[in-house]
Amino acid sequence: MIVRRETPLALYKGLGAVLSGIVPKMAIRFASFETYKDWLADRETGKTAVGRIFLGASLLRRAGWV
């Protein structure tokens, strides 16, 4: 019905507002994930153990970030 009354581009009204909220949120999540991954990694090898990944994920979940 919207397509008939307006143009097909009317389906994308408000997309800019949605993206302006999603893009910064995802950038913050990505940056924080990388930071937490570095904090949880072994200092000598630079690798992260599976247990530490689950620990970090549970902490993020508890904080309400995921």
N, C-alpha and C. Protein backbone atom coordinates (compact mmCIF):
# COMPACT_ATOMS: atom_id res chain seq x y z
N MET A 1 0.81 -1.18 0.00
CA MET A 1 0.00 0.00 0.00
C MET A 1 0.87 1.26 0.00
N ILE A 2 1.97 1.24 0.73
CA ILE A 2 2.88 2.39 0.75
C ILE A 2 3.47 2.59 -0.63
N VAL A 3 3.81 1.49 -1.28
CA VAL A 3 4.42 1.58 -2.61
C VAL A 3 3.44 2.21 -3.59
N ARG A 4 2.15 1.90 -3.46
CA ARG A 4 1.15 2.49 -4.36
C ARG A 4 0.95 3.98 -4.08
N ARG A 5 0.85 4.33 -2.80
CA ARG A 5 0.61 5.74 -2.46
C ARG A 5 1.83 6.61 -2.70
N GLU A 6 3.00 6.06 -2.38
CA GLU A 6 4.24 6.82 -2.56
C GLU A 6 5.10 6.04 -3.55
N THR A 7 6.38 6.19 -3.47
CA THR A 7 7.29 5.44 -4.34
C THR A 7 7.91 4.29 -3.55
N PRO A 8 8.54 3.35 -4.22
CA PRO A 8 9.22 2.28 -3.47
C PRO A 8 10.30 2.81 -2.51
N LEU A 9 10.84 3.98 -2.80
CA LEU A 9 11.85 4.56 -1.90
C LEU A 9 11.25 4.93 -0.55
N ALA A 10 9.94 5.06 -0.47
CA ALA A 10 9.30 5.38 0.81
C ALA A 10 9.49 4.26 1.82
N LEU A 11 9.77 3.06 1.35
CA LEU A 11 10.03 1.94 2.27
C LEU A 11 11.31 2.16 3.08
N TYR A 12 12.17 3.04 2.59
CA TYR A 12 13.45 3.29 3.27
C TYR A 12 13.43 4.54 4.11
N LYS A 13 12.26 5.15 4.31
CA LYS A 13 12.17 6.32 5.19
C LYS A 13 12.59 5.91 6.60
N GLY A 14 13.39 6.71 7.22
CA GLY A 14 13.83 6.42 8.58
C GLY A 14 15.06 5.54 8.65
N LEU A 15 15.53 5.05 7.52
CA LEU A 15 16.71 4.19 7.54
C LEU A 15 17.94 4.93 8.04
N GLY A 16 18.06 6.19 7.67
CA GLY A 16 19.20 6.99 8.12
C GLY A 16 19.25 7.11 9.63
N ALA A 17 18.08 7.32 10.25
CA ALA A 17 18.03 7.43 11.70
C ALA A 17 18.41 6.11 12.37
N VAL A 18 17.95 5.02 11.79
CA VAL A 18 18.27 3.70 12.36
C VAL A 18 19.76 3.43 12.24
N LEU A 19 20.32 3.70 11.07
CA LEU A 19 21.75 3.44 10.87
C LEU A 19 22.62 4.36 11.72
N SER A 20 22.15 5.59 11.95
CA SER A 20 22.95 6.50 12.77
C SER A 20 23.00 6.04 14.23
N GLY A 21 22.10 5.18 14.62
CA GLY A 21 22.16 4.61 15.96
C GLY A 21 22.91 3.29 16.00
N ILE A 22 22.79 2.51 14.94
CA ILE A 22 23.41 1.18 14.91
C ILE A 22 24.91 1.25 14.68
N VAL A 23 25.35 2.10 13.77
CA VAL A 23 26.77 2.14 13.41
C VAL A 23 27.65 2.49 14.61
N PRO A 24 27.35 3.54 15.38
CA PRO A 24 28.21 3.80 16.56
C PRO A 24 28.16 2.68 17.59
N LYS A 25 26.98 2.10 17.79
CA LYS A 25 26.86 1.01 18.76
C LYS A 25 27.74 -0.17 18.36
N MET A 26 27.70 -0.54 17.09
CA MET A 26 28.51 -1.67 16.64
C MET A 26 30.00 -1.34 16.67
N ALA A 27 30.35 -0.09 16.41
CA ALA A 27 31.77 0.30 16.48
C ALA A 27 32.28 0.19 17.92
N ILE A 28 31.46 0.60 18.87
CA ILE A 28 31.86 0.49 20.28
C ILE A 28 31.98 -0.97 20.68
N ARG A 29 31.03 -1.80 20.25
CA ARG A 29 31.10 -3.23 20.59
C ARG A 29 32.35 -3.87 20.00
N PHE A 30 32.65 -3.55 18.74
CA PHE A 30 33.82 -4.14 18.10
C PHE A 30 35.10 -3.71 18.82
N ALA A 31 35.20 -2.42 19.12
CA ALA A 31 36.41 -1.93 19.79
C ALA A 31 36.55 -2.53 21.18
N SER A 32 35.43 -2.62 21.90
CA SER A 32 35.52 -3.19 23.25
C SER A 32 35.85 -4.67 23.20
N PHE A 33 35.31 -5.38 22.20
CA PHE A 33 35.64 -6.81 22.06
C PHE A 33 37.13 -6.99 21.85
N GLU A 34 37.71 -6.19 20.97
CA GLU A 34 39.15 -6.29 20.72
C GLU A 34 39.95 -5.97 21.98
N THR A 35 39.51 -4.99 22.72
CA THR A 35 40.20 -4.62 23.96
C THR A 35 40.13 -5.74 24.98
N TYR A 36 38.93 -6.29 25.17
CA TYR A 36 38.77 -7.38 26.14
C TYR A 36 39.54 -8.62 25.70
N LYS A 37 39.56 -8.86 24.41
CA LYS A 37 40.31 -10.01 23.90
C LYS A 37 41.80 -9.85 24.22
N ASP A 38 42.30 -8.64 24.06
CA ASP A 38 43.71 -8.39 24.40
C ASP A 38 43.95 -8.55 25.89
N TRP A 39 43.02 -8.10 26.73
CA TRP A 39 43.17 -8.24 28.18
C TRP A 39 43.17 -9.70 28.60
N LEU A 40 42.39 -10.53 27.92
CA LEU A 40 42.27 -11.93 28.30
C LEU A 40 43.35 -12.82 27.68
N ALA A 41 44.09 -12.29 26.74
CA ALA A 41 45.11 -13.10 26.06
C ALA A 41 46.33 -13.32 26.95
N ASP A 42 46.97 -14.42 26.71
CA ASP A 42 48.22 -14.74 27.41
C ASP A 42 49.29 -13.74 26.95
N ARG A 43 49.97 -13.15 27.88
CA ARG A 43 50.96 -12.11 27.54
C ARG A 43 52.12 -12.65 26.70
N GLU A 44 52.51 -13.88 26.94
CA GLU A 44 53.66 -14.44 26.22
C GLU A 44 53.32 -14.88 24.80
N THR A 45 52.21 -15.60 24.66
CA THR A 45 51.86 -16.15 23.35
C THR A 45 50.91 -15.27 22.56
N GLY A 46 50.14 -14.44 23.24
CA GLY A 46 49.16 -13.61 22.56
C GLY A 46 47.87 -14.35 22.22
N LYS A 47 47.80 -15.62 22.64
CA LYS A 47 46.60 -16.41 22.36
C LYS A 47 45.66 -16.38 23.56
N THR A 48 44.38 -16.54 23.25
CA THR A 48 43.36 -16.53 24.29
C THR A 48 42.84 -17.94 24.49
N ALA A 49 42.85 -18.41 25.72
CA ALA A 49 42.34 -19.74 26.03
C ALA A 49 40.81 -19.72 25.94
N VAL A 50 40.24 -20.87 25.61
CA VAL A 50 38.79 -20.97 25.46
C VAL A 50 38.08 -20.61 26.76
N GLY A 51 38.61 -21.03 27.88
CA GLY A 51 38.00 -20.71 29.17
C GLY A 51 37.95 -19.21 29.42
N ARG A 52 39.00 -18.52 29.02
CA ARG A 52 39.02 -17.08 29.20
C ARG A 52 38.01 -16.39 28.27
N ILE A 53 37.81 -16.93 27.09
CA ILE A 53 36.81 -16.36 26.17
C ILE A 53 35.43 -16.47 26.79
N PHE A 54 35.12 -17.65 27.35
CA PHE A 54 33.81 -17.83 27.98
C PHE A 54 33.67 -16.93 29.20
N LEU A 55 34.74 -16.76 29.94
CA LEU A 55 34.71 -15.86 31.09
C LEU A 55 34.42 -14.44 30.63
N GLY A 56 35.10 -14.00 29.60
CA GLY A 56 34.87 -12.65 29.07
C GLY A 56 33.47 -12.48 28.52
N ALA A 57 32.97 -13.49 27.83
CA ALA A 57 31.61 -13.41 27.29
C ALA A 57 30.58 -13.35 28.41
N SER A 58 30.81 -14.13 29.46
CA SER A 58 29.85 -14.11 30.56
C SER A 58 29.88 -12.77 31.29
N LEU A 59 31.06 -12.16 31.40
CA LEU A 59 31.15 -10.85 32.02
C LEU A 59 30.45 -9.78 31.18
N LEU A 60 30.62 -9.87 29.87
CA LEU A 60 29.93 -8.93 28.99
C LEU A 60 28.42 -9.11 29.07
N ARG A 61 27.99 -10.36 29.10
CA ARG A 61 26.56 -10.66 29.18
C ARG A 61 25.99 -10.11 30.48
N ARG A 62 26.72 -10.30 31.53
CA ARG A 62 26.25 -9.84 32.85
C ARG A 62 26.19 -8.31 32.88
N ALA A 63 27.11 -7.66 32.18
CA ALA A 63 27.11 -6.20 32.13
C ALA A 63 26.03 -5.66 31.21
N GLY A 64 25.40 -6.53 30.44
CA GLY A 64 24.33 -6.10 29.57
C GLY A 64 24.79 -5.61 28.21
N TRP A 65 26.01 -5.95 27.81
CA TRP A 65 26.53 -5.49 26.53
C TRP A 65 26.17 -6.40 25.38
N VAL A 66 25.77 -7.62 25.70
CA VAL A 66 25.47 -8.59 24.62
C VAL A 66 24.02 -8.97 24.70
